[in-house]
């Protein structure tokens, strides 16, 4: 496992150096991202932890109805994340 990780780091480093030497400005052709898009996505992800923990707890107790509700809320959070990504065009 260490070899695979080491190889990935080596290839990533070589790719970066190759691209860096071929371009006069860095990053090539990209505008810096707006911080609001990333912040909104991060907040949605952090908020989605709450129903995930709730779903785990109620599933361990065997309560099927509340487990389904929590999973539905988690799905809504995922949909909200997609909507935010489309809105901010990340």
C-alpha atoms as a PDB file:
ATOM      1  CA  UNK A   1       0.000   0.000   0.000  1.00  0.00           C
ATOM      2  CA  UNK A   2       2.879   2.362   0.703  1.00  0.00           C
ATOM      3  CA  UNK A   3       4.239   1.793  -2.792  1.00  0.00           C
ATOM      4  CA  UNK A   4       0.979   2.779  -4.433  1.00  0.00           C
ATOM      5  CA  UNK A   5       0.745   5.924  -2.348  1.00  0.00           C
ATOM      6  CA  UNK A   6       4.370   6.779  -3.031  1.00  0.00           C
ATOM      7  CA  UNK A   7       3.893   6.307  -6.761  1.00  0.00           C
ATOM      8  CA  UNK A   8       0.818   8.522  -6.756  1.00  0.00           C
ATOM      9  CA  UNK A   9       2.730  11.285  -4.975  1.00  0.00           C
ATOM     10  CA  UNK A  10       5.625  10.966  -7.419  1.00  0.00           C
ATOM     11  CA  UNK A  11       3.329  11.085 -10.469  1.00  0.00           C
ATOM     12  CA  UNK A  12       1.391  14.032  -9.064  1.00  0.00           C
ATOM     13  CA  UNK A  13       4.629  15.908  -8.395  1.00  0.00           C
ATOM     14  CA  UNK A  14       5.989  15.192 -11.850  1.00  0.00           C
ATOM     15  CA  UNK A  15       2.713  16.213 -13.475  1.00  0.00           C
ATOM     16  CA  UNK A  16       2.730  19.478 -11.550  1.00  0.00           C
ATOM     17  CA  UNK A  17       6.321  20.234 -12.541  1.00  0.00           C
ATOM     18  CA  UNK A  18       5.633  19.360 -16.180  1.00  0.00           C
ATOM     19  CA  UNK A  19       2.586  21.610 -16.343  1.00  0.00           C
ATOM     20  CA  UNK A  20       4.315  24.364 -14.400  1.00  0.00           C
ATOM     21  CA  UNK A  21       7.244  24.506 -16.810  1.00  0.00           C
ATOM     22  CA  UNK A  22       4.936  24.572 -19.871  1.00  0.00           C
ATOM     23  CA  UNK A  23       2.817  27.532 -18.777  1.00  0.00           C
ATOM     24  CA  UNK A  24       3.814  31.171 -18.332  1.00  0.00           C
ATOM     25  CA  UNK A  25       1.047  31.945 -15.839  1.00  0.00           C
ATOM     26  CA  UNK A  26      -0.132  29.646 -13.077  1.00  0.00           C
ATOM     27  CA  UNK A  27      -2.722  28.161 -12.868  1.00  0.00           C
ATOM     28  CA  UNK A  28      -3.049  28.003 -16.632  1.00  0.00           C
ATOM     29  CA  UNK A  29      -6.148  29.714 -17.970  1.00  0.00           C
ATOM     30  CA  UNK A  30      -8.189  29.553 -14.779  1.00  0.00           C
ATOM     31  CA  UNK A  31      -9.781  32.289 -12.770  1.00  0.00           C
ATOM     32  CA  UNK A  32      -9.571  32.014  -8.996  1.00  0.00           C
ATOM     33  CA  UNK A  33     -12.721  30.454  -7.539  1.00  0.00           C
ATOM     34  CA  UNK A  34     -15.222  32.504  -5.609  1.00  0.00           C
ATOM     35  CA  UNK A  35     -15.057  31.640  -1.914  1.00  0.00           C
ATOM     36  CA  UNK A  36     -18.832  31.710  -1.512  1.00  0.00           C
ATOM     37  CA  UNK A  37     -19.362  28.593  -3.615  1.00  0.00           C
ATOM     38  CA  UNK A  38     -16.971  26.495  -1.575  1.00  0.00           C
ATOM     39  CA  UNK A  39     -18.264  27.894   1.694  1.00  0.00           C
ATOM     40  CA  UNK A  40     -21.882  27.062   0.855  1.00  0.00           C
ATOM     41  CA  UNK A  41     -20.938  23.517  -0.178  1.00  0.00           C
ATOM     42  CA  UNK A  42     -18.886  23.072   2.990  1.00  0.00           C
ATOM     43  CA  UNK A  43     -21.776  24.234   5.174  1.00  0.00           C
ATOM     44  CA  UNK A  44     -24.176  21.861   3.442  1.00  0.00           C
ATOM     45  CA  UNK A  45     -21.768  18.971   3.942  1.00  0.00           C
ATOM     46  CA  UNK A  46     -21.311  19.812   7.617  1.00  0.00           C
ATOM     47  CA  UNK A  47     -25.064  20.083   8.111  1.00  0.00           C
ATOM     48  CA  UNK A  48     -25.594  16.729   6.402  1.00  0.00           C
ATOM     49  CA  UNK A  49     -23.644  15.047   9.199  1.00  0.00           C
ATOM     50  CA  UNK A  50     -26.518  15.669  11.617  1.00  0.00           C
ATOM     51  CA  UNK A  51     -29.109  13.496   9.814  1.00  0.00           C
ATOM     52  CA  UNK A  52     -26.431  10.878   9.099  1.00  0.00           C
ATOM     53  CA  UNK A  53     -25.653  10.485  12.787  1.00  0.00           C
ATOM     54  CA  UNK A  54     -29.362  10.519  13.581  1.00  0.00           C
ATOM     55  CA  UNK A  55     -30.009   7.818  10.976  1.00  0.00           C
ATOM     56  CA  UNK A  56     -27.311   5.635  12.466  1.00  0.00           C
ATOM     57  CA  UNK A  57     -28.682   5.984  15.983  1.00  0.00           C
ATOM     58  CA  UNK A  58     -32.290   5.268  15.085  1.00  0.00           C
ATOM     59  CA  UNK A  59     -31.275   2.382  12.805  1.00  0.00           C
ATOM     60  CA  UNK A  60     -29.383   0.752  15.656  1.00  0.00           C
ATOM     61  CA  UNK A  61     -32.541   1.022  17.765  1.00  0.00           C
ATOM     62  CA  UNK A  62     -34.507  -0.640  14.964  1.00  0.00           C
ATOM     63  CA  UNK A  63     -36.866   2.242  14.257  1.00  0.00           C
ATOM     64  CA  UNK A  64     -37.536   1.914  10.533  1.00  0.00           C
ATOM     65  CA  UNK A  65     -39.753   4.990  10.131  1.00  0.00           C
ATOM     66  CA  UNK A  66     -37.277   7.463  11.628  1.00  0.00           C
ATOM     67  CA  UNK A  67     -34.423   5.805   9.754  1.00  0.00           C
ATOM     68  CA  UNK A  68     -36.239   6.380   6.479  1.00  0.00           C
ATOM     69  CA  UNK A  69     -36.985   9.986   7.424  1.00  0.00           C
ATOM     70  CA  UNK A  70     -33.333  10.627   8.277  1.00  0.00           C
ATOM     71  CA  UNK A  71     -32.176   9.058   5.021  1.00  0.00           C
ATOM     72  CA  UNK A  72     -34.710  11.186   3.127  1.00  0.00           C
ATOM     73  CA  UNK A  73     -33.345  14.312   4.836  1.00  0.00           C
ATOM     74  CA  UNK A  74     -29.828  13.229   3.864  1.00  0.00           C
ATOM     75  CA  UNK A  75     -31.017  12.903   0.263  1.00  0.00           C
ATOM     76  CA  UNK A  76     -32.436  16.422   0.419  1.00  0.00           C
ATOM     77  CA  UNK A  77     -29.081  17.670   1.677  1.00  0.00           C
ATOM     78  CA  UNK A  78     -27.386  15.996  -1.284  1.00  0.00           C
ATOM     79  CA  UNK A  79     -29.869  17.624  -3.636  1.00  0.00           C
ATOM     80  CA  UNK A  80     -29.216  20.988  -1.973  1.00  0.00           C
ATOM     81  CA  UNK A  81     -25.516  20.476  -2.569  1.00  0.00           C
ATOM     82  CA  UNK A  82     -26.131  19.790  -6.262  1.00  0.00           C
ATOM     83  CA  UNK A  83     -28.356  22.847  -6.550  1.00  0.00           C
ATOM     84  CA  UNK A  84     -25.675  24.978  -4.912  1.00  0.00           C
ATOM     85  CA  UNK A  85     -23.051  23.614  -7.303  1.00  0.00           C
ATOM     86  CA  UNK A  86     -25.223  24.395 -10.310  1.00  0.00           C
ATOM     87  CA  UNK A  87     -26.111  27.843  -8.960  1.00  0.00           C
ATOM     88  CA  UNK A  88     -22.487  28.776  -8.317  1.00  0.00           C
ATOM     89  CA  UNK A  89     -21.237  26.773 -11.341  1.00  0.00           C
ATOM     90  CA  UNK A  90     -18.401  25.120  -9.441  1.00  0.00           C
END
